[in-house]
């Protein structure tokens, strides 16, 4: 490994001069700066930024811990966070909890040991707040992503999921559906609970809501739930519409309908949630409740930087965005 002493020897200057070129270039004369920069180029010296930050007790690394890195929703959140972080000269590192609270806790402990500038967390469940509150109290600022809770006095950014569920329910009722199945789980995920609550608030007294809980928010889980739906109501009386807790589940439902020859939306209307890029390009374009995914990531970094730049200057800020329903071919008015 080429070190700062090697650069000093090659340039014929002191180690202090090299350090000044790297950290305070304006304090070095142009001629000496050119000598050092030329030596760096010749030797291929790469600065050990991690070691420098540890010595200084500071970091420009932001950690983002998400529920499922394979979900396109979180991929867009990550994109937004990276764009905002780059604008403030920071780097985003991503960890995947996989929906496992124990794995999430291990990630938080390791990230704290790495002295990251702050943590953006999409928590597995409400019980996760205790760990992240302790992290914040020890000096590593934390922001909740895709979750706002009065129980956690931390900056937070999310979308109003109850409103999103209500939008989906009202949309289906306007199209004549009076028996609706909600596909989603696990219920320990508050976003799933809130979307179901919103659906029920919209359909109260006007439609029956059934619930098929899933163990995951994936395409495979959606296909499995659809198979259970058809097995539960094999001889008629089946719900005429399905509202899924996210688009991956909805795509799984669509796949199972296509496999069985069930007409969408003729026999079963389908609504998803998130409006990921695959929703519009599905074999049957999917009606979905849109979330501002990249904006969630950008806003999370903005909230973190507010704390980093002025700790304790203001109460924890909560930002709650309003979703919108995007109608496509998977729903229509029933005859």
C-alpha atoms as a PDB file:
ATOM      1  CA  UNK A   1       0.000   0.000   0.000  1.00  0.00           C
ATOM      2  CA  UNK A   2       1.300   3.412  -0.975  1.00  0.00           C
ATOM      3  CA  UNK A   3       1.199   5.771   2.011  1.00  0.00           C
ATOM      4  CA  UNK A   4       1.547   9.470   2.660  1.00  0.00           C
ATOM      5  CA  UNK A   5       5.232   9.023   3.569  1.00  0.00           C
ATOM      6  CA  UNK A   6       5.901   7.480   0.153  1.00  0.00           C
ATOM      7  CA  UNK A   7       4.261  10.457  -1.542  1.00  0.00           C
ATOM      8  CA  UNK A   8       6.362  12.883   0.537  1.00  0.00           C
ATOM      9  CA  UNK A   9       9.569  11.028  -0.362  1.00  0.00           C
ATOM     10  CA  UNK A  10       8.664  10.960  -4.076  1.00  0.00           C
ATOM     11  CA  UNK A  11       7.800  14.670  -4.131  1.00  0.00           C
ATOM     12  CA  UNK A  12      10.780  15.688  -1.995  1.00  0.00           C
ATOM     13  CA  UNK A  13       8.610  17.470   0.565  1.00  0.00           C
ATOM     14  CA  UNK A  14       7.616  16.897   4.180  1.00  0.00           C
ATOM     15  CA  UNK A  15       4.744  14.662   5.299  1.00  0.00           C
ATOM     16  CA  UNK A  16       3.073  17.787   6.656  1.00  0.00           C
ATOM     17  CA  UNK A  17       3.114  19.383   3.220  1.00  0.00           C
ATOM     18  CA  UNK A  18       1.423  16.331   1.687  1.00  0.00           C
ATOM     19  CA  UNK A  19      -1.176  16.394   4.450  1.00  0.00           C
ATOM     20  CA  UNK A  20      -1.880  20.054   3.772  1.00  0.00           C
ATOM     21  CA  UNK A  21      -2.306  19.399   0.051  1.00  0.00           C
ATOM     22  CA  UNK A  22      -4.844  16.689   0.831  1.00  0.00           C
ATOM     23  CA  UNK A  23      -6.752  18.569   3.523  1.00  0.00           C
ATOM     24  CA  UNK A  24      -6.005  22.286   3.129  1.00  0.00           C
ATOM     25  CA  UNK A  25      -4.727  22.773  -0.433  1.00  0.00           C
ATOM     26  CA  UNK A  26      -5.133  26.564  -0.211  1.00  0.00           C
ATOM     27  CA  UNK A  27      -2.411  26.701   2.442  1.00  0.00           C
ATOM     28  CA  UNK A  28       0.232  25.274   0.065  1.00  0.00           C
ATOM     29  CA  UNK A  29       1.957  27.220  -2.710  1.00  0.00           C
ATOM     30  CA  UNK A  30       0.950  26.238  -6.274  1.00  0.00           C
ATOM     31  CA  UNK A  31       4.467  24.981  -7.025  1.00  0.00           C
ATOM     32  CA  UNK A  32       4.637  22.636  -4.020  1.00  0.00           C
ATOM     33  CA  UNK A  33       1.059  21.536  -4.593  1.00  0.00           C
ATOM     34  CA  UNK A  34       1.955  20.582  -8.174  1.00  0.00           C
ATOM     35  CA  UNK A  35       4.918  18.514  -6.913  1.00  0.00           C
ATOM     36  CA  UNK A  36       2.708  16.580  -4.517  1.00  0.00           C
ATOM     37  CA  UNK A  37      -0.112  16.037  -7.013  1.00  0.00           C
ATOM     38  CA  UNK A  38       2.381  14.790  -9.601  1.00  0.00           C
ATOM     39  CA  UNK A  39       3.839  12.320  -7.067  1.00  0.00           C
ATOM     40  CA  UNK A  40       0.335  11.092  -6.188  1.00  0.00           C
ATOM     41  CA  UNK A  41      -0.381  10.435  -9.868  1.00  0.00           C
ATOM     42  CA  UNK A  42       2.902   8.597 -10.433  1.00  0.00           C
ATOM     43  CA  UNK A  43       2.544   6.372  -7.362  1.00  0.00           C
ATOM     44  CA  UNK A  44      -1.196   5.771  -7.711  1.00  0.00           C
ATOM     45  CA  UNK A  45      -1.777   6.855  -4.125  1.00  0.00           C
ATOM     46  CA  UNK A  46      -5.385   6.392  -2.909  1.00  0.00           C
ATOM     47  CA  UNK A  47      -6.378   8.233   0.223  1.00  0.00           C
ATOM     48  CA  UNK A  48      -7.624   6.123   3.150  1.00  0.00           C
ATOM     49  CA  UNK A  49     -10.715   8.192   3.802  1.00  0.00           C
ATOM     50  CA  UNK A  50     -12.076   5.766   6.393  1.00  0.00           C
ATOM     51  CA  UNK A  51      -8.967   6.043   8.571  1.00  0.00           C
ATOM     52  CA  UNK A  52      -8.937   9.833   8.238  1.00  0.00           C
ATOM     53  CA  UNK A  53     -12.562  10.092   9.340  1.00  0.00           C
ATOM     54  CA  UNK A  54     -12.004   7.813  12.307  1.00  0.00           C
ATOM     55  CA  UNK A  55      -9.036   9.917  13.447  1.00  0.00           C
ATOM     56  CA  UNK A  56     -11.111  13.065  13.095  1.00  0.00           C
ATOM     57  CA  UNK A  57     -14.131  11.475  14.785  1.00  0.00           C
ATOM     58  CA  UNK A  58     -16.340  12.332  11.797  1.00  0.00           C
ATOM     59  CA  UNK A  59     -17.817  10.459   8.842  1.00  0.00           C
ATOM     60  CA  UNK A  60     -19.532  11.283   5.568  1.00  0.00           C
ATOM     61  CA  UNK A  61     -21.199   7.884   5.334  1.00  0.00           C
ATOM     62  CA  UNK A  62     -24.970   7.497   5.731  1.00  0.00           C
ATOM     63  CA  UNK A  63     -26.400   4.053   6.426  1.00  0.00           C
ATOM     64  CA  UNK A  64     -29.766   3.049   4.965  1.00  0.00           C
ATOM     65  CA  UNK A  65     -31.333  -0.123   6.405  1.00  0.00           C
ATOM     66  CA  UNK A  66     -34.309  -1.369   4.366  1.00  0.00           C
ATOM     67  CA  UNK A  67     -36.834  -4.184   4.781  1.00  0.00           C
ATOM     68  CA  UNK A  68     -36.207  -5.823   1.415  1.00  0.00           C
ATOM     69  CA  UNK A  69     -33.493  -4.653  -0.948  1.00  0.00           C
ATOM     70  CA  UNK A  70     -34.981  -6.787  -3.775  1.00  0.00           C
ATOM     71  CA  UNK A  71     -38.253  -4.820  -3.696  1.00  0.00           C
ATOM     72  CA  UNK A  72     -38.250  -2.161  -6.457  1.00  0.00           C
ATOM     73  CA  UNK A  73     -39.960   0.236  -4.032  1.00  0.00           C
ATOM     74  CA  UNK A  74     -36.849   0.295  -1.842  1.00  0.00           C
ATOM     75  CA  UNK A  75     -34.594   0.457  -4.893  1.00  0.00           C
ATOM     76  CA  UNK A  76     -36.235   3.779  -5.755  1.00  0.00           C
ATOM     77  CA  UNK A  77     -35.970   4.999  -2.145  1.00  0.00           C
ATOM     78  CA  UNK A  78     -32.246   4.179  -2.260  1.00  0.00           C
ATOM     79  CA  UNK A  79     -31.873   6.102  -5.535  1.00  0.00           C
ATOM     80  CA  UNK A  80     -33.434   9.202  -4.006  1.00  0.00           C
ATOM     81  CA  UNK A  81     -31.272   8.941  -0.886  1.00  0.00           C
ATOM     82  CA  UNK A  82     -28.093   8.558  -2.961  1.00  0.00           C
ATOM     83  CA  UNK A  83     -28.919  11.606  -5.080  1.00  0.00           C
ATOM     84  CA  UNK A  84     -29.438  13.818  -2.033  1.00  0.00           C
ATOM     85  CA  UNK A  85     -26.403  12.380  -0.225  1.00  0.00           C
ATOM     86  CA  UNK A  86     -24.178  13.090  -3.222  1.00  0.00           C
ATOM     87  CA  UNK A  87     -25.388  16.695  -3.196  1.00  0.00           C
ATOM     88  CA  UNK A  88     -24.102  17.106   0.386  1.00  0.00           C
ATOM     89  CA  UNK A  89     -20.855  15.204  -0.188  1.00  0.00           C
ATOM     90  CA  UNK A  90     -21.892  11.998   1.568  1.00  0.00           C
ATOM     91  CA  UNK A  91     -21.974   8.318   0.648  1.00  0.00           C
ATOM     92  CA  UNK A  92     -24.906   5.930   1.240  1.00  0.00           C
ATOM     93  CA  UNK A  93     -24.279   2.322   2.284  1.00  0.00           C
ATOM     94  CA  UNK A  94     -27.270  -0.028   2.191  1.00  0.00           C
ATOM     95  CA  UNK A  95     -28.071  -2.907   4.541  1.00  0.00           C
ATOM     96  CA  UNK A  96     -30.945  -5.353   4.111  1.00  0.00           C
ATOM     97  CA  UNK A  97     -32.822  -6.542   7.210  1.00  0.00           C
ATOM     98  CA  UNK A  98     -34.906  -8.987   5.178  1.00  0.00           C
ATOM     99  CA  UNK A  99     -37.806  -8.343   7.550  1.00  0.00           C
ATOM    100  CA  UNK A 100     -35.876  -9.960  10.420  1.00  0.00           C
ATOM    101  CA  UNK A 101     -35.753  -7.830  13.586  1.00  0.00           C
ATOM    102  CA  UNK A 102     -32.699  -9.692  14.927  1.00  0.00           C
ATOM    103  CA  UNK A 103     -30.788  -9.105  11.707  1.00  0.00           C
ATOM    104  CA  UNK A 104     -31.851  -5.475  11.820  1.00  0.00           C
ATOM    105  CA  UNK A 105     -30.436  -5.137  15.357  1.00  0.00           C
ATOM    106  CA  UNK A 106     -27.115  -6.668  14.254  1.00  0.00           C
ATOM    107  CA  UNK A 107     -26.894  -4.216  11.348  1.00  0.00           C
ATOM    108  CA  UNK A 108     -27.519  -1.256  13.635  1.00  0.00           C
ATOM    109  CA  UNK A 109     -24.807  -2.391  16.061  1.00  0.00           C
ATOM    110  CA  UNK A 110     -22.247  -2.841  13.285  1.00  0.00           C
ATOM    111  CA  UNK A 111     -23.094   0.477  11.668  1.00  0.00           C
ATOM    112  CA  UNK A 112     -22.678   2.275  14.984  1.00  0.00           C
ATOM    113  CA  UNK A 113     -19.270   0.637  15.392  1.00  0.00           C
ATOM    114  CA  UNK A 114     -18.341   1.975  11.938  1.00  0.00           C
ATOM    115  CA  UNK A 115     -19.083   5.520  13.180  1.00  0.00           C
ATOM    116  CA  UNK A 116     -21.493   6.323  10.361  1.00  0.00           C
ATOM    117  CA  UNK A 117     -22.780   9.881  10.199  1.00  0.00           C
ATOM    118  CA  UNK A 118     -26.345   8.685  10.682  1.00  0.00           C
ATOM    119  CA  UNK A 119     -28.816   5.873  10.029  1.00  0.00           C
ATOM    120  CA  UNK A 120     -31.947   5.886   7.878  1.00  0.00           C
ATOM    121  CA  UNK A 121     -34.116   2.965   8.984  1.00  0.00           C
ATOM    122  CA  UNK A 122     -37.219   1.321   7.596  1.00  0.00           C
ATOM    123  CA  UNK A 123     -38.002  -0.665  10.765  1.00  0.00           C
ATOM    124  CA  UNK A 124     -39.266  -4.236  10.739  1.00  0.00           C
ATOM    125  CA  UNK A 125     -41.856  -3.538  13.429  1.00  0.00           C
ATOM    126  CA  UNK A 126     -42.724  -1.052  16.134  1.00  0.00           C
ATOM    127  CA  UNK A 127     -40.539  -2.879  18.659  1.00  0.00           C
ATOM    128  CA  UNK A 128     -37.542  -1.841  16.531  1.00  0.00           C
ATOM    129  CA  UNK A 129     -37.905   1.702  17.854  1.00  0.00           C
ATOM    130  CA  UNK A 130     -36.208   0.854  21.143  1.00  0.00           C
ATOM    131  CA  UNK A 131     -32.954  -0.116  19.459  1.00  0.00           C
ATOM    132  CA  UNK A 132     -32.846   2.866  17.139  1.00  0.00           C
ATOM    133  CA  UNK A 133     -33.756   5.266  19.967  1.00  0.00           C
ATOM    134  CA  UNK A 134     -30.791   3.935  21.966  1.00  0.00           C
ATOM    135  CA  UNK A 135     -28.581   4.372  18.907  1.00  0.00           C
ATOM    136  CA  UNK A 136     -29.733   7.977  18.534  1.00  0.00           C
ATOM    137  CA  UNK A 137     -29.213   8.683  22.250  1.00  0.00           C
ATOM    138  CA  UNK A 138     -25.600   7.462  22.020  1.00  0.00           C
ATOM    139  CA  UNK A 139     -24.830  10.010  19.311  1.00  0.00           C
ATOM    140  CA  UNK A 140     -25.661   8.351  15.988  1.00  0.00           C
ATOM    141  CA  UNK A 141     -28.604  10.329  14.552  1.00  0.00           C
ATOM    142  CA  UNK A 142     -31.447   8.243  13.137  1.00  0.00           C
ATOM    143  CA  UNK A 143     -34.359   8.917  10.787  1.00  0.00           C
ATOM    144  CA  UNK A 144     -37.330   6.619  10.254  1.00  0.00           C
ATOM    145  CA  UNK A 145     -38.142   5.926   6.593  1.00  0.00           C
ATOM    146  CA  UNK A 146     -41.577   4.812   5.373  1.00  0.00           C
ATOM    147  CA  UNK A 147     -42.789   4.995   8.964  1.00  0.00           C
ATOM    148  CA  UNK A 148     -44.031   7.850  11.159  1.00  0.00           C
ATOM    149  CA  UNK A 149     -44.860   7.149  14.784  1.00  0.00           C
ATOM    150  CA  UNK A 150     -45.648   9.312  17.777  1.00  0.00           C
ATOM    151  CA  UNK A 151     -44.067   6.551  19.882  1.00  0.00           C
ATOM    152  CA  UNK A 152     -40.628   7.326  18.436  1.00  0.00           C
ATOM    153  CA  UNK A 153     -39.490  10.979  18.863  1.00  0.00           C
ATOM    154  CA  UNK A 154     -37.253  10.788  15.806  1.00  0.00           C
ATOM    155  CA  UNK A 155     -37.330  12.575  12.459  1.00  0.00           C
ATOM    156  CA  UNK A 156     -39.459  10.521  10.090  1.00  0.00           C
ATOM    157  CA  UNK A 157     -40.765  10.489   6.527  1.00  0.00           C
ATOM    158  CA  UNK A 158     -43.592   8.332   5.195  1.00  0.00           C
ATOM    159  CA  UNK A 159     -46.731   8.206   3.102  1.00  0.00           C
ATOM    160  CA  UNK A 160     -50.228   8.240   4.600  1.00  0.00           C
ATOM    161  CA  UNK A 161     -50.982   4.534   4.147  1.00  0.00           C
ATOM    162  CA  UNK A 162     -54.460   4.748   5.657  1.00  0.00           C
ATOM    163  CA  UNK A 163     -55.310   7.332   3.048  1.00  0.00           C
ATOM    164  CA  UNK A 164     -53.848   5.035   0.386  1.00  0.00           C
ATOM    165  CA  UNK A 165     -56.025   2.156   1.540  1.00  0.00           C
ATOM    166  CA  UNK A 166     -59.046   4.434   1.546  1.00  0.00           C
ATOM    167  CA  UNK A 167     -58.318   5.552  -2.031  1.00  0.00           C
ATOM    168  CA  UNK A 168     -58.156   1.928  -3.184  1.00  0.00           C
ATOM    169  CA  UNK A 169     -61.409   1.037  -1.409  1.00  0.00           C
ATOM    170  CA  UNK A 170     -63.325   4.008  -2.762  1.00  0.00           C
ATOM    171  CA  UNK A 171     -62.053   3.295  -6.266  1.00  0.00           C
ATOM    172  CA  UNK A 172     -63.333  -0.292  -6.142  1.00  0.00           C
ATOM    173  CA  UNK A 173     -66.682   0.676  -4.618  1.00  0.00           C
ATOM    174  CA  UNK A 174     -67.238   3.271  -7.367  1.00  0.00           C
ATOM    175  CA  UNK A 175     -66.805   0.439  -9.835  1.00  0.00           C
ATOM    176  CA  UNK A 176     -69.520  -1.598  -8.201  1.00  0.00           C
ATOM    177  CA  UNK A 177     -67.514  -4.072  -6.112  1.00  0.00           C
ATOM    178  CA  UNK A 178     -69.186  -5.147  -2.889  1.00  0.00           C
ATOM    179  CA  UNK A 179     -66.939  -8.052  -1.896  1.00  0.00           C
ATOM    180  CA  UNK A 180     -63.241  -7.171  -1.697  1.00  0.00           C
ATOM    181  CA  UNK A 181     -60.297  -9.303  -0.579  1.00  0.00           C
ATOM    182  CA  UNK A 182     -57.254  -7.678   0.995  1.00  0.00           C
ATOM    183  CA  UNK A 183     -54.047  -9.614   0.314  1.00  0.00           C
ATOM    184  CA  UNK A 184     -51.126  -8.658   2.544  1.00  0.00           C
ATOM    185  CA  UNK A 185     -48.941  -9.448   5.510  1.00  0.00           C
ATOM    186  CA  UNK A 186     -47.386 -10.027   7.860  1.00  0.00           C
ATOM    187  CA  UNK A 187     -49.573  -7.816  10.014  1.00  0.00           C
ATOM    188  CA  UNK A 188     -46.660  -6.902  12.287  1.00  0.00           C
ATOM    189  CA  UNK A 189     -45.639  -4.517   9.485  1.00  0.00           C
ATOM    190  CA  UNK A 190     -47.518  -1.319  10.288  1.00  0.00           C
ATOM    191  CA  UNK A 191     -47.789  -0.258   6.647  1.00  0.00           C
ATOM    192  CA  UNK A 192     -49.798  -3.419   5.930  1.00  0.00           C
ATOM    193  CA  UNK A 193     -52.079  -2.797   8.906  1.00  0.00           C
ATOM    194  CA  UNK A 194     -52.642   0.829   7.927  1.00  0.00           C
ATOM    195  CA  UNK A 195     -53.524  -0.041   4.324  1.00  0.00           C
ATOM    196  CA  UNK A 196     -56.044  -2.610   5.540  1.00  0.00           C
ATOM    197  CA  UNK A 197     -57.485  -0.099   8.021  1.00  0.00           C
ATOM    198  CA  UNK A 198     -57.860   2.468   5.246  1.00  0.00           C
ATOM    199  CA  UNK A 199     -59.635  -0.046   3.021  1.00  0.00           C
ATOM    200  CA  UNK A 200     -62.082  -0.932   5.782  1.00  0.00           C
ATOM    201  CA  UNK A 201     -62.789   2.736   6.502  1.00  0.00           C
ATOM    202  CA  UNK A 202     -63.772   3.259   2.860  1.00  0.00           C
ATOM    203  CA  UNK A 203     -65.943   0.152   2.620  1.00  0.00           C
ATOM    204  CA  UNK A 204     -67.651   0.371   6.000  1.00  0.00           C
ATOM    205  CA  UNK A 205     -71.302  -0.554   5.458  1.00  0.00           C
ATOM    206  CA  UNK A 206     -71.011  -0.686   1.668  1.00  0.00           C
ATOM    207  CA  UNK A 207     -68.845  -3.746   1.030  1.00  0.00           C
ATOM    208  CA  UNK A 208     -67.543  -6.889   2.718  1.00  0.00           C
ATOM    209  CA  UNK A 209     -63.772  -7.044   3.275  1.00  0.00           C
ATOM    210  CA  UNK A 210     -62.036 -10.419   3.460  1.00  0.00           C
ATOM    211  CA  UNK A 211     -58.368 -10.795   4.401  1.00  0.00           C
ATOM    212  CA  UNK A 212     -55.819 -13.303   3.157  1.00  0.00           C
ATOM    213  CA  UNK A 213     -52.650 -12.750   5.192  1.00  0.00           C
ATOM    214  CA  UNK A 214     -49.294 -13.453   3.576  1.00  0.00           C
ATOM    215  CA  UNK A 215     -45.937 -14.219   5.168  1.00  0.00           C
ATOM    216  CA  UNK A 216     -44.090 -11.903   2.803  1.00  0.00           C
ATOM    217  CA  UNK A 217     -44.651  -9.025   0.400  1.00  0.00           C
ATOM    218  CA  UNK A 218     -43.448 -10.861  -2.704  1.00  0.00           C
ATOM    219  CA  UNK A 219     -44.668 -12.070  -6.101  1.00  0.00           C
ATOM    220  CA  UNK A 220     -44.567 -15.673  -4.909  1.00  0.00           C
ATOM    221  CA  UNK A 221     -46.662 -14.806  -1.845  1.00  0.00           C
ATOM    222  CA  UNK A 222     -49.180 -13.087  -4.115  1.00  0.00           C
ATOM    223  CA  UNK A 223     -49.483 -16.142  -6.362  1.00  0.00           C
ATOM    224  CA  UNK A 224     -49.970 -18.363  -3.309  1.00  0.00           C
ATOM    225  CA  UNK A 225     -52.634 -16.035  -1.905  1.00  0.00           C
ATOM    226  CA  UNK A 226     -54.509 -16.047  -5.210  1.00  0.00           C
ATOM    227  CA  UNK A 227     -54.443 -19.858  -5.234  1.00  0.00           C
ATOM    228  CA  UNK A 228     -55.954 -19.804  -1.717  1.00  0.00           C
ATOM    229  CA  UNK A 229     -58.567 -17.317  -2.897  1.00  0.00           C
ATOM    230  CA  UNK A 230     -59.714 -19.631  -5.686  1.00  0.00           C
ATOM    231  CA  UNK A 231     -59.631 -22.653  -3.382  1.00  0.00           C
ATOM    232  CA  UNK A 232     -61.699 -20.909  -0.702  1.00  0.00           C
ATOM    233  CA  UNK A 233     -64.436 -19.846  -3.128  1.00  0.00           C
ATOM    234  CA  UNK A 234     -64.410 -22.558  -5.809  1.00  0.00           C
ATOM    235  CA  UNK A 235     -68.131 -22.536  -6.609  1.00  0.00           C
ATOM    236  CA  UNK A 236     -69.116 -18.891  -6.804  1.00  0.00           C
ATOM    237  CA  UNK A 237     -69.548 -16.169  -4.233  1.00  0.00           C
ATOM    238  CA  UNK A 238     -65.903 -15.213  -4.671  1.00  0.00           C
ATOM    239  CA  UNK A 239     -64.822 -11.598  -4.008  1.00  0.00           C
ATOM    240  CA  UNK A 240     -64.923  -9.605  -7.213  1.00  0.00           C
ATOM    241  CA  UNK A 241     -61.881  -7.465  -6.389  1.00  0.00           C
ATOM    242  CA  UNK A 242     -58.508  -7.806  -4.695  1.00  0.00           C
ATOM    243  CA  UNK A 243     -56.519  -5.009  -3.065  1.00  0.00           C
ATOM    244  CA  UNK A 244     -52.909  -5.991  -2.402  1.00  0.00           C
ATOM    245  CA  UNK A 245     -50.598  -4.445   0.188  1.00  0.00           C
ATOM    246  CA  UNK A 246     -47.966  -3.867  -2.488  1.00  0.00           C
ATOM    247  CA  UNK A 247     -47.419  -4.249  -6.230  1.00  0.00           C
ATOM    248  CA  UNK A 248     -45.320  -7.399  -5.949  1.00  0.00           C
ATOM    249  CA  UNK A 249     -48.250  -9.210  -4.339  1.00  0.00           C
ATOM    250  CA  UNK A 250     -50.573  -7.816  -7.003  1.00  0.00           C
ATOM    251  CA  UNK A 251     -48.282  -9.038  -9.794  1.00  0.00           C
ATOM    252  CA  UNK A 252     -48.358 -12.489  -8.207  1.00  0.00           C
ATOM    253  CA  UNK A 253     -52.162 -12.389  -8.164  1.00  0.00           C
ATOM    254  CA  UNK A 254     -52.191 -11.371 -11.836  1.00  0.00           C
ATOM    255  CA  UNK A 255     -49.844 -14.241 -12.710  1.00  0.00           C
ATOM    256  CA  UNK A 256     -52.107 -16.771 -11.024  1.00  0.00           C
ATOM    257  CA  UNK A 257     -55.169 -15.344 -12.755  1.00  0.00           C
ATOM    258  CA  UNK A 258     -53.455 -15.644 -16.141  1.00  0.00           C
ATOM    259  CA  UNK A 259     -52.386 -19.211 -15.344  1.00  0.00           C
ATOM    260  CA  UNK A 260     -55.957 -20.205 -14.443  1.00  0.00           C
ATOM    261  CA  UNK A 261     -57.632 -18.275 -17.237  1.00  0.00           C
ATOM    262  CA  UNK A 262     -59.413 -15.925 -14.826  1.00  0.00           C
ATOM    263  CA  UNK A 263     -60.276 -12.711 -16.653  1.00  0.00           C
ATOM    264  CA  UNK A 264     -58.882  -9.481 -15.176  1.00  0.00           C
ATOM    265  CA  UNK A 265     -60.748  -7.247 -14.648  1.00  0.00           C
ATOM    266  CA  UNK A 266     -63.823  -9.092 -15.979  1.00  0.00           C
ATOM    267  CA  UNK A 267     -63.925 -11.714 -13.212  1.00  0.00           C
ATOM    268  CA  UNK A 268     -61.509 -10.207 -10.710  1.00  0.00           C
ATOM    269  CA  UNK A 269     -60.317  -6.600 -10.423  1.00  0.00           C
ATOM    270  CA  UNK A 270     -56.838  -6.100  -8.954  1.00  0.00           C
ATOM    271  CA  UNK A 271     -55.308  -3.053  -7.231  1.00  0.00           C
ATOM    272  CA  UNK A 272     -51.705  -2.826  -6.039  1.00  0.00           C
ATOM    273  CA  UNK A 273     -49.738  -0.369  -3.938  1.00  0.00           C
ATOM    274  CA  UNK A 274     -46.470   1.559  -4.573  1.00  0.00           C
ATOM    275  CA  UNK A 275     -46.787   1.978  -8.371  1.00  0.00           C
ATOM    276  CA  UNK A 276     -43.370   0.496  -9.087  1.00  0.00           C
ATOM    277  CA  UNK A 277     -42.171   0.603 -12.700  1.00  0.00           C
ATOM    278  CA  UNK A 278     -43.381  -2.951 -13.368  1.00  0.00           C
ATOM    279  CA  UNK A 279     -46.989  -1.959 -12.550  1.00  0.00           C
ATOM    280  CA  UNK A 280     -47.534  -0.078 -15.816  1.00  0.00           C
ATOM    281  CA  UNK A 281     -45.732  -2.686 -17.937  1.00  0.00           C
ATOM    282  CA  UNK A 282     -47.456  -5.790 -16.544  1.00  0.00           C
ATOM    283  CA  UNK A 283     -49.300  -8.107 -18.954  1.00  0.00           C
ATOM    284  CA  UNK A 284     -52.443  -6.426 -17.626  1.00  0.00           C
ATOM    285  CA  UNK A 285     -51.367  -2.900 -16.597  1.00  0.00           C
ATOM    286  CA  UNK A 286     -51.967  -2.599 -12.884  1.00  0.00           C
ATOM    287  CA  UNK A 287     -54.047  -0.017 -11.076  1.00  0.00           C
ATOM    288  CA  UNK A 288     -51.943   1.051  -8.101  1.00  0.00           C
ATOM    289  CA  UNK A 289     -51.669   3.534  -5.247  1.00  0.00           C
ATOM    290  CA  UNK A 290     -48.600   5.619  -6.041  1.00  0.00           C
ATOM    291  CA  UNK A 291     -46.008   6.596  -3.441  1.00  0.00           C
ATOM    292  CA  UNK A 292     -43.316   9.245  -4.129  1.00  0.00           C
ATOM    293  CA  UNK A 293     -40.555   6.680  -3.653  1.00  0.00           C
ATOM    294  CA  UNK A 294     -37.443   8.674  -4.601  1.00  0.00           C
ATOM    295  CA  UNK A 295     -38.791  11.698  -2.731  1.00  0.00           C
ATOM    296  CA  UNK A 296     -38.973   9.565   0.422  1.00  0.00           C
ATOM    297  CA  UNK A 297     -35.253   8.811   0.116  1.00  0.00           C
ATOM    298  CA  UNK A 298     -34.257  12.405  -0.617  1.00  0.00           C
ATOM    299  CA  UNK A 299     -36.343  13.751   2.243  1.00  0.00           C
ATOM    300  CA  UNK A 300     -34.879  11.206   4.680  1.00  0.00           C
ATOM    301  CA  UNK A 301     -31.362  12.475   3.931  1.00  0.00           C
ATOM    302  CA  UNK A 302     -32.539  16.092   4.268  1.00  0.00           C
ATOM    303  CA  UNK A 303     -33.994  15.331   7.711  1.00  0.00           C
ATOM    304  CA  UNK A 304     -30.778  13.615   8.770  1.00  0.00           C
ATOM    305  CA  UNK A 305     -28.641  16.555   7.650  1.00  0.00           C
ATOM    306  CA  UNK A 306     -30.846  18.935   9.646  1.00  0.00           C
ATOM    307  CA  UNK A 307     -29.910  16.986  12.780  1.00  0.00           C
ATOM    308  CA  UNK A 308     -26.232  16.628  11.849  1.00  0.00           C
ATOM    309  CA  UNK A 309     -25.821  20.328  11.047  1.00  0.00           C
ATOM    310  CA  UNK A 310     -27.756  21.624  14.067  1.00  0.00           C
ATOM    311  CA  UNK A 311     -28.263  18.922  16.705  1.00  0.00           C
ATOM    312  CA  UNK A 312     -31.061  19.723  19.130  1.00  0.00           C
ATOM    313  CA  UNK A 313     -31.977  22.914  17.286  1.00  0.00           C
ATOM    314  CA  UNK A 314     -35.543  21.873  16.603  1.00  0.00           C
ATOM    315  CA  UNK A 315     -38.051  19.130  17.506  1.00  0.00           C
ATOM    316  CA  UNK A 316     -37.973  15.969  15.437  1.00  0.00           C
ATOM    317  CA  UNK A 317     -39.714  16.763  12.150  1.00  0.00           C
ATOM    318  CA  UNK A 318     -42.264  14.359  10.658  1.00  0.00           C
ATOM    319  CA  UNK A 319     -43.031  14.546   6.936  1.00  0.00           C
ATOM    320  CA  UNK A 320     -46.130  12.703   5.694  1.00  0.00           C
ATOM    321  CA  UNK A 321     -46.823  12.601   1.958  1.00  0.00           C
ATOM    322  CA  UNK A 322     -50.235  11.976   0.409  1.00  0.00           C
ATOM    323  CA  UNK A 323     -50.511   9.039  -2.035  1.00  0.00           C
ATOM    324  CA  UNK A 324     -52.517   9.046  -5.257  1.00  0.00           C
ATOM    325  CA  UNK A 325     -54.362   6.321  -7.123  1.00  0.00           C
ATOM    326  CA  UNK A 326     -53.276   5.578 -10.695  1.00  0.00           C
ATOM    327  CA  UNK A 327     -55.989   3.762 -12.655  1.00  0.00           C
ATOM    328  CA  UNK A 328     -55.053   1.247 -15.327  1.00  0.00           C
ATOM    329  CA  UNK A 329     -56.613  -1.769 -17.069  1.00  0.00           C
ATOM    330  CA  UNK A 330     -56.739  -4.103 -14.036  1.00  0.00           C
ATOM    331  CA  UNK A 331     -59.873  -2.356 -12.704  1.00  0.00           C
ATOM    332  CA  UNK A 332     -63.071  -1.137 -14.319  1.00  0.00           C
ATOM    333  CA  UNK A 333     -66.772  -0.538 -13.547  1.00  0.00           C
ATOM    334  CA  UNK A 334     -68.647  -3.830 -13.156  1.00  0.00           C
ATOM    335  CA  UNK A 335     -71.657  -4.474 -15.338  1.00  0.00           C
END
